[in-house]
C-alpha atoms as a PDB file:
ATOM      1  CA  MET A   1      81.688  93.942  74.531  1.00  0.00           C
ATOM      2  CA  THR A   2      79.092  94.233  77.340  1.00  0.00           C
ATOM      3  CA  ALA A   3      78.250  97.793  78.330  1.00  0.00           C
ATOM      4  CA  ALA A   4      78.678  98.977  81.595  1.00  0.00           C
ATOM      5  CA  LEU A   5      75.520 100.798  81.723  1.00  0.00           C
ATOM      6  CA  GLU A   6      72.685 100.927  79.337  1.00  0.00           C
ATOM      7  CA  ALA A   7      69.457 102.692  78.883  1.00  0.00           C
ATOM      8  CA  ARG A   8      67.088 100.797  77.027  1.00  0.00           C
ATOM      9  CA  ASP A   9      63.475 102.606  75.601  1.00  0.00           C
ATOM     10  CA  LEU A  10      63.503 104.910  78.722  1.00  0.00           C
ATOM     11  CA  ARG A  11      60.188 106.561  78.511  1.00  0.00           C
ATOM     12  CA  LYS A  12      59.157 109.169  81.155  1.00  0.00           C
ATOM     13  CA  SER A  13      56.102 111.630  81.304  1.00  0.00           C
ATOM     14  CA  PHE A  14      55.165 114.201  83.731  1.00  0.00           C
ATOM     15  CA  ASP A  15      51.328 115.396  83.858  1.00  0.00           C
ATOM     16  CA  GLY A  16      51.136 114.067  80.340  1.00  0.00           C
ATOM     17  CA  GLN A  17      54.159 115.996  78.910  1.00  0.00           C
ATOM     18  CA  THR A  18      56.822 113.431  77.632  1.00  0.00           C
ATOM     19  CA  VAL A  19      60.300 114.198  78.586  1.00  0.00           C
ATOM     20  CA  LEU A  20      61.958 110.799  77.614  1.00  0.00           C
ATOM     21  CA  ASP A  21      60.489 109.242  74.559  1.00  0.00           C
ATOM     22  CA  GLY A  22      62.353 106.095  73.978  1.00  0.00           C
ATOM     23  CA  VAL A  23      65.901 107.029  75.198  1.00  0.00           C
ATOM     24  CA  ASN A  24      68.380 104.215  74.233  1.00  0.00           C
ATOM     25  CA  LEU A  25      71.763 104.816  75.067  1.00  0.00           C
ATOM     26  CA  ALA A  26      75.085 102.725  76.117  1.00  0.00           C
ATOM     27  CA  VAL A  27      78.339 103.196  77.850  1.00  0.00           C
ATOM     28  CA  ALA A  28      81.491 101.213  77.464  1.00  0.00           C
ATOM     29  CA  PRO A  29      83.469 100.161  80.606  1.00  0.00           C
ATOM     30  CA  GLY A  30      85.890 102.907  81.170  1.00  0.00           C
ATOM     31  CA  GLU A  31      84.298 105.313  78.600  1.00  0.00           C
ATOM     32  CA  SER A  32      83.850 108.955  79.269  1.00  0.00           C
ATOM     33  CA  LEU A  33      80.232 109.887  77.834  1.00  0.00           C
ATOM     34  CA  VAL A  34      79.168 113.311  77.655  1.00  0.00           C
ATOM     35  CA  VAL A  35      75.129 114.011  77.435  1.00  0.00           C
ATOM     36  CA  ILE A  36      74.391 117.517  76.049  1.00  0.00           C
ATOM     37  CA  GLY A  37      71.300 119.218  74.769  1.00  0.00           C
ATOM     38  CA  GLN A  38      68.992 122.402  75.375  1.00  0.00           C
ATOM     39  CA  SER A  39      67.439 122.658  78.584  1.00  0.00           C
ATOM     40  CA  GLY A  40      64.307 120.645  79.059  1.00  0.00           C
ATOM     41  CA  THR A  41      65.427 117.794  76.657  1.00  0.00           C
ATOM     42  CA  GLY A  42      65.458 115.364  79.509  1.00  0.00           C
ATOM     43  CA  LYS A  43      68.978 115.102  80.716  1.00  0.00           C
ATOM     44  CA  SER A  44      68.495 115.571  84.330  1.00  0.00           C
ATOM     45  CA  VAL A  45      65.609 113.131  83.991  1.00  0.00           C
ATOM     46  CA  LEU A  46      67.554 110.797  82.298  1.00  0.00           C
ATOM     47  CA  LEU A  47      70.103 110.489  85.046  1.00  0.00           C
ATOM     48  CA  LYS A  48      67.581 110.564  87.553  1.00  0.00           C
ATOM     49  CA  CYS A  49      65.928 107.411  85.948  1.00  0.00           C
ATOM     50  CA  ILE A  50      69.098 105.503  85.760  1.00  0.00           C
ATOM     51  CA  LEU A  51      69.735 106.364  89.445  1.00  0.00           C
ATOM     52  CA  GLY A  52      66.462 105.189  90.552  1.00  0.00           C
ATOM     53  CA  LEU A  53      65.300 108.839  91.669  1.00  0.00           C
ATOM     54  CA  GLU A  54      62.438 108.903  89.441  1.00  0.00           C
ATOM     55  CA  VAL A  55      60.727 105.503  88.003  1.00  0.00           C
ATOM     56  CA  PRO A  56      60.332 105.382  84.142  1.00  0.00           C
ATOM     57  CA  ASP A  57      57.118 104.676  82.759  1.00  0.00           C
ATOM     58  CA  SER A  58      58.911 102.006  80.759  1.00  0.00           C
ATOM     59  CA  GLY A  59      62.136 100.894  79.602  1.00  0.00           C
ATOM     60  CA  GLN A  60      64.960  99.738  81.957  1.00  0.00           C
ATOM     61  CA  THR A  61      68.342 100.326  82.776  1.00  0.00           C
ATOM     62  CA  LEU A  62      70.776  97.717  82.376  1.00  0.00           C
ATOM     63  CA  TRP A  63      74.176  97.588  84.507  1.00  0.00           C
ATOM     64  CA  GLU A  64      76.929  95.303  83.541  1.00  0.00           C
ATOM     65  CA  GLY A  65      74.702  93.500  80.893  1.00  0.00           C
ATOM     66  CA  ALA A  66      71.754  92.699  83.531  1.00  0.00           C
ATOM     67  CA  PRO A  67      68.659  94.560  84.452  1.00  0.00           C
ATOM     68  CA  LEU A  68      68.659  96.904  87.592  1.00  0.00           C
ATOM     69  CA  THR A  69      66.515  95.016  89.834  1.00  0.00           C
ATOM     70  CA  ARG A  70      65.972  96.056  93.719  1.00  0.00           C
ATOM     71  CA  THR A  71      68.808  93.632  94.650  1.00  0.00           C
ATOM     72  CA  SER A  72      71.332  94.707  92.058  1.00  0.00           C
ATOM     73  CA  ARG A  73      70.429  98.426  92.274  1.00  0.00           C
ATOM     74  CA  ALA A  74      71.668  98.178  96.020  1.00  0.00           C
ATOM     75  CA  ARG A  75      75.078  96.993  94.728  1.00  0.00           C
ATOM     76  CA  PHE A  76      74.967  99.676  91.560  1.00  0.00           C
ATOM     77  CA  LEU A  77      74.649 102.147  93.685  1.00  0.00           C
ATOM     78  CA  ASP A  78      77.167 101.006  96.304  1.00  0.00           C
ATOM     79  CA  SER A  79      79.471 101.000  92.996  1.00  0.00           C
ATOM     80  CA  PHE A  80      78.781 104.845  91.750  1.00  0.00           C
ATOM     81  CA  GLY A  81      80.108 107.958  92.767  1.00  0.00           C
ATOM     82  CA  MET A  82      78.244 111.511  91.758  1.00  0.00           C
ATOM     83  CA  LEU A  83      79.711 115.352  91.524  1.00  0.00           C
ATOM     84  CA  PHE A  84      76.341 117.371  91.794  1.00  0.00           C
ATOM     85  CA  GLN A  85      76.043 120.509  90.187  1.00  0.00           C
ATOM     86  CA  GLY A  86      76.149 122.632  93.387  1.00  0.00           C
ATOM     87  CA  ALA A  87      78.704 120.206  95.075  1.00  0.00           C
ATOM     88  CA  ALA A  88      75.869 119.662  97.625  1.00  0.00           C
ATOM     89  CA  LEU A  89      77.980 119.260 100.686  1.00  0.00           C
ATOM     90  CA  PHE A  90      76.350 119.010 103.737  1.00  0.00           C
ATOM     91  CA  ASP A  91      76.775 122.212 105.946  1.00  0.00           C
ATOM     92  CA  SER A  92      76.662 120.578 109.318  1.00  0.00           C
ATOM     93  CA  LEU A  93      79.622 118.160 108.324  1.00  0.00           C
ATOM     94  CA  THR A  94      83.390 119.068 107.941  1.00  0.00           C
ATOM     95  CA  VAL A  95      84.997 118.688 104.458  1.00  0.00           C
ATOM     96  CA  TRP A  96      86.768 115.436 105.188  1.00  0.00           C
ATOM     97  CA  GLN A  97      83.191 114.046 106.924  1.00  0.00           C
ATOM     98  CA  ASN A  98      81.720 115.103 103.648  1.00  0.00           C
ATOM     99  CA  VAL A  99      84.088 113.404 101.557  1.00  0.00           C
ATOM    100  CA  ALA A 100      84.175 110.073 103.646  1.00  0.00           C
ATOM    101  CA  PHE A 101      80.254 110.357 104.314  1.00  0.00           C
ATOM    102  CA  ARG A 102      79.899 106.798 102.875  1.00  0.00           C
ATOM    103  CA  LEU A 103      83.083 105.317 104.309  1.00  0.00           C
ATOM    104  CA  ARG A 104      82.926 106.201 108.081  1.00  0.00           C
ATOM    105  CA  LYS A 105      80.581 103.399 108.781  1.00  0.00           C
ATOM    106  CA  THR A 106      82.408 100.791 107.104  1.00  0.00           C
ATOM    107  CA  LEU A 107      86.005 101.974 107.906  1.00  0.00           C
ATOM    108  CA  GLY A 108      85.815 103.843 111.292  1.00  0.00           C
ATOM    109  CA  GLU A 109      86.501 107.248 111.588  1.00  0.00           C
ATOM    110  CA  GLN A 110      90.285 107.093 111.709  1.00  0.00           C
ATOM    111  CA  ALA A 111      90.614 105.199 108.349  1.00  0.00           C
ATOM    112  CA  ALA A 112      87.674 107.095 106.514  1.00  0.00           C
ATOM    113  CA  ARG A 113      89.409 110.370 107.677  1.00  0.00           C
ATOM    114  CA  ARG A 114      93.019 109.045 106.163  1.00  0.00           C
ATOM    115  CA  VAL A 115      91.078 108.350 102.903  1.00  0.00           C
ATOM    116  CA  ALA A 116      89.407 111.631 102.762  1.00  0.00           C
ATOM    117  CA  VAL A 117      92.743 113.526 103.288  1.00  0.00           C
ATOM    118  CA  GLU A 118      94.283 111.217 100.396  1.00  0.00           C
ATOM    119  CA  LYS A 119      91.231 112.265  98.252  1.00  0.00           C
ATOM    120  CA  LEU A 120      91.352 115.640  98.922  1.00  0.00           C
ATOM    121  CA  ALA A 121      95.137 115.668  98.111  1.00  0.00           C
ATOM    122  CA  ARG A 122      94.193 113.976  94.810  1.00  0.00           C
ATOM    123  CA  VAL A 123      91.911 116.950  93.759  1.00  0.00           C
ATOM    124  CA  GLY A 124      94.574 119.645  95.140  1.00  0.00           C
ATOM    125  CA  LEU A 125      93.238 120.575  98.509  1.00  0.00           C
ATOM    126  CA  GLY A 126      95.395 120.142 101.458  1.00  0.00           C
ATOM    127  CA  PRO A 127      94.695 118.610 105.170  1.00  0.00           C
ATOM    128  CA  GLU A 128      94.297 122.100 106.120  1.00  0.00           C
ATOM    129  CA  VAL A 129      91.033 121.846 104.488  1.00  0.00           C
ATOM    130  CA  ALA A 130      89.826 118.677 106.010  1.00  0.00           C
ATOM    131  CA  ASP A 131      88.280 120.371 109.150  1.00  0.00           C
ATOM    132  CA  LEU A 132      86.748 123.298 107.858  1.00  0.00           C
ATOM    133  CA  PHE A 133      83.209 123.426 106.979  1.00  0.00           C
ATOM    134  CA  PRO A 134      81.867 124.214 103.510  1.00  0.00           C
ATOM    135  CA  ALA A 135      80.743 127.816 104.622  1.00  0.00           C
ATOM    136  CA  ALA A 136      84.493 128.555 104.535  1.00  0.00           C
ATOM    137  CA  LEU A 137      85.251 126.801 100.885  1.00  0.00           C
ATOM    138  CA  SER A 138      85.189 128.744  97.768  1.00  0.00           C
ATOM    139  CA  GLY A 139      82.891 127.496  94.752  1.00  0.00           C
ATOM    140  CA  GLY A 140      86.147 125.973  93.164  1.00  0.00           C
ATOM    141  CA  MET A 141      87.128 124.464  96.293  1.00  0.00           C
ATOM    142  CA  ALA A 142      83.558 123.420  97.144  1.00  0.00           C
ATOM    143  CA  LYS A 143      83.702 121.624  93.793  1.00  0.00           C
ATOM    144  CA  ARG A 144      86.924 119.831  94.229  1.00  0.00           C
ATOM    145  CA  ALA A 145      85.894 118.471  97.643  1.00  0.00           C
ATOM    146  CA  GLY A 146      82.656 117.307  95.928  1.00  0.00           C
ATOM    147  CA  LEU A 147      84.989 115.750  93.051  1.00  0.00           C
ATOM    148  CA  ALA A 148      86.903 113.761  96.296  1.00  0.00           C
ATOM    149  CA  ARG A 149      84.001 112.413  97.810  1.00  0.00           C
ATOM    150  CA  ALA A 150      82.671 111.348  94.422  1.00  0.00           C
ATOM    151  CA  ILE A 151      85.875 109.339  94.203  1.00  0.00           C
ATOM    152  CA  ALA A 152      86.158 108.465  97.999  1.00  0.00           C
ATOM    153  CA  ALA A 153      84.893 105.021  97.558  1.00  0.00           C
ATOM    154  CA  ASP A 154      86.804 104.033  94.215  1.00  0.00           C
ATOM    155  CA  PRO A 155      83.315 103.739  92.230  1.00  0.00           C
ATOM    156  CA  LYS A 156      83.186 101.934  89.053  1.00  0.00           C
ATOM    157  CA  ILE A 157      81.229 104.445  87.281  1.00  0.00           C
ATOM    158  CA  ILE A 158      81.028 108.371  88.174  1.00  0.00           C
ATOM    159  CA  PHE A 159      78.110 110.989  87.156  1.00  0.00           C
ATOM    160  CA  PHE A 160      79.126 114.364  86.522  1.00  0.00           C
ATOM    161  CA  ASP A 161      76.309 116.951  86.845  1.00  0.00           C
ATOM    162  CA  GLU A 162      76.901 120.026  84.941  1.00  0.00           C
ATOM    163  CA  PRO A 163      80.460 120.153  86.748  1.00  0.00           C
ATOM    164  CA  THR A 164      81.522 123.574  85.909  1.00  0.00           C
ATOM    165  CA  THR A 165      78.335 125.460  86.659  1.00  0.00           C
ATOM    166  CA  GLY A 166      78.966 128.457  88.444  1.00  0.00           C
ATOM    167  CA  LEU A 167      82.773 128.529  88.204  1.00  0.00           C
ATOM    168  CA  ASP A 168      85.002 131.269  86.287  1.00  0.00           C
ATOM    169  CA  PRO A 169      86.922 129.742  82.974  1.00  0.00           C
ATOM    170  CA  ILE A 170      90.139 129.031  84.810  1.00  0.00           C
ATOM    171  CA  ARG A 171      88.681 127.105  87.675  1.00  0.00           C
ATOM    172  CA  ALA A 172      86.262 125.115  85.558  1.00  0.00           C
ATOM    173  CA  ALA A 173      89.176 124.217  83.179  1.00  0.00           C
ATOM    174  CA  ARG A 174      90.905 122.903  86.616  1.00  0.00           C
ATOM    175  CA  ILE A 175      87.936 120.618  87.236  1.00  0.00           C
ATOM    176  CA  ASN A 176      87.366 119.515  83.654  1.00  0.00           C
ATOM    177  CA  THR A 177      91.297 118.392  83.703  1.00  0.00           C
ATOM    178  CA  LEU A 178      90.891 116.885  87.145  1.00  0.00           C
ATOM    179  CA  ILE A 179      87.850 114.999  85.713  1.00  0.00           C
ATOM    180  CA  ARG A 180      89.523 113.744  82.791  1.00  0.00           C
ATOM    181  CA  ASP A 181      92.821 112.452  84.681  1.00  0.00           C
ATOM    182  CA  ILE A 182      90.825 110.601  87.248  1.00  0.00           C
ATOM    183  CA  VAL A 183      88.890 109.017  84.931  1.00  0.00           C
ATOM    184  CA  THR A 184      91.836 107.846  83.088  1.00  0.00           C
ATOM    185  CA  GLU A 185      93.670 107.086  86.078  1.00  0.00           C
ATOM    186  CA  THR A 186      90.941 105.007  87.889  1.00  0.00           C
ATOM    187  CA  GLY A 187      89.302 103.695  84.793  1.00  0.00           C
ATOM    188  CA  ALA A 188      86.027 104.461  85.847  1.00  0.00           C
ATOM    189  CA  THR A 189      83.240 104.803  83.481  1.00  0.00           C
ATOM    190  CA  ALA A 190      81.736 108.379  83.580  1.00  0.00           C
ATOM    191  CA  ILE A 191      78.613 110.009  82.572  1.00  0.00           C
ATOM    192  CA  THR A 192      78.369 113.707  82.448  1.00  0.00           C
ATOM    193  CA  ILE A 193      75.742 116.159  81.566  1.00  0.00           C
ATOM    194  CA  THR A 194      76.753 119.627  80.642  1.00  0.00           C
ATOM    195  CA  HIS A 195      75.955 122.627  78.681  1.00  0.00           C
ATOM    196  CA  ASP A 196      79.422 123.706  78.580  1.00  0.00           C
ATOM    197  CA  MET A 197      81.299 122.794  75.178  1.00  0.00           C
ATOM    198  CA  THR A 198      84.489 123.244  76.890  1.00  0.00           C
ATOM    199  CA  THR A 199      83.857 120.788  79.503  1.00  0.00           C
ATOM    200  CA  VAL A 200      82.433 118.462  76.817  1.00  0.00           C
ATOM    201  CA  ARG A 201      86.120 118.767  74.524  1.00  0.00           C
ATOM    202  CA  SER A 202      88.092 118.105  77.675  1.00  0.00           C
ATOM    203  CA  VAL A 203      86.571 115.127  79.193  1.00  0.00           C
ATOM    204  CA  ALA A 204      84.698 113.309  76.452  1.00  0.00           C
ATOM    205  CA  ASP A 205      85.344 110.117  74.625  1.00  0.00           C
ATOM    206  CA  ARG A 206      81.940 109.850  73.032  1.00  0.00           C
ATOM    207  CA  VAL A 207      79.053 112.768  73.035  1.00  0.00           C
ATOM    208  CA  ALA A 208      75.450 112.175  72.833  1.00  0.00           C
ATOM    209  CA  MET A 209      72.790 114.616  72.113  1.00  0.00           C
ATOM    210  CA  LEU A 210      69.174 114.447  73.673  1.00  0.00           C
ATOM    211  CA  SER A 211      66.468 116.072  71.760  1.00  0.00           C
ATOM    212  CA  GLY A 212      62.900 115.519  71.337  1.00  0.00           C
ATOM    213  CA  GLY A 213      63.204 113.063  74.435  1.00  0.00           C
ATOM    214  CA  ARG A 214      65.394 110.728  72.416  1.00  0.00           C
ATOM    215  CA  VAL A 215      69.054 110.553  71.471  1.00  0.00           C
ATOM    216  CA  HIS A 216      69.162 112.512  68.527  1.00  0.00           C
ATOM    217  CA  TRP A 217      73.069 112.120  67.803  1.00  0.00           C
ATOM    218  CA  GLN A 218      76.047 110.477  69.072  1.00  0.00           C
ATOM    219  CA  GLY A 219      79.807 110.242  68.093  1.00  0.00           C
ATOM    220  CA  ASP A 220      83.255 111.459  69.155  1.00  0.00           C
ATOM    221  CA  VAL A 221      84.305 115.127  69.539  1.00  0.00           C
ATOM    222  CA  ALA A 222      85.854 115.377  66.065  1.00  0.00           C
ATOM    223  CA  GLN A 223      82.706 114.065  64.410  1.00  0.00           C
ATOM    224  CA  MET A 224      80.693 116.579  66.714  1.00  0.00           C
ATOM    225  CA  ASP A 225      82.644 119.418  65.560  1.00  0.00           C
ATOM    226  CA  ALA A 226      82.453 118.538  61.891  1.00  0.00           C
ATOM    227  CA  ALA A 227      78.657 117.576  62.208  1.00  0.00           C
ATOM    228  CA  THR A 228      76.046 118.901  59.662  1.00  0.00           C
ATOM    229  CA  ASP A 229      73.197 118.037  61.460  1.00  0.00           C
ATOM    230  CA  ARG A 230      71.414 121.516  61.966  1.00  0.00           C
ATOM    231  CA  HIS A 231      70.633 120.522  65.750  1.00  0.00           C
ATOM    232  CA  VAL A 232      74.093 119.576  66.946  1.00  0.00           C
ATOM    233  CA  HIS A 233      75.801 122.683  64.501  1.00  0.00           C
ATOM    234  CA  ASP A 234      73.616 125.212  66.196  1.00  0.00           C
ATOM    235  CA  PHE A 235      73.834 123.729  69.665  1.00  0.00           C
ATOM    236  CA  ILE A 236      77.717 123.656  70.003  1.00  0.00           C
ATOM    237  CA  ARG A 237      78.038 127.034  68.514  1.00  0.00           C
ATOM    238  CA  GLY A 238      75.123 128.591  70.304  1.00  0.00           C
ATOM    239  CA  ILE A 239      73.062 129.486  67.249  1.00  0.00           C
ATOM    240  CA  TRP A 240      69.997 130.578  67.486  1.00  0.00           C
ATOM    241  CA  ARG A 241      67.298 130.538  64.838  1.00  0.00           C
ATOM    242  CA  GLY A 242      64.345 132.739  65.226  1.00  0.00           C
END
């Protein structure tokens, strides 16, 4: 089966410091991959290289089996959604305008608003929220609005960047459940970056651990929990060895 998305030998350094040192990682269509690893191991840089926000020093990203070029990247960007770590809602736009940000030009205002209200309902937010501004939302509501925006265009692939950061355990559990349900329902391919092991166990079909700028280990959740590899064992249990 051709991978939905694949990183091949991605390398990236900043000021002589190597962050990615030959990352090879593939995600199957419809698979939910979670990338874990200590801070500074390159998780966010990997995501930025895949999205084209950073240019890798070498290596390439493939989408549906073909290298991303300037032309195909434009189509790729039209096919993805993203939930940012801090929701990243535009303060000057209402909630529905945020959710329908990419749709307003193509669908028109009324149709875009209708889609936005539908997606807000999917994440548990009522129509009364649509005309509020982000400042009026709680942290959990902002995350759900950000998730509604991520799925507004029915993307083929969705990226989740630390989706439960800043949320209490109950609201985090709700976000995790929404992510798992939405990925299952839509068949979208998902890549999540997180330190939250509850998120890992809630949303992952497969887990990949970055260490030393490379994919150090990968497997499913049961294999992760049973892993004897010291890096994996210590990370998932929060063990620090001085």
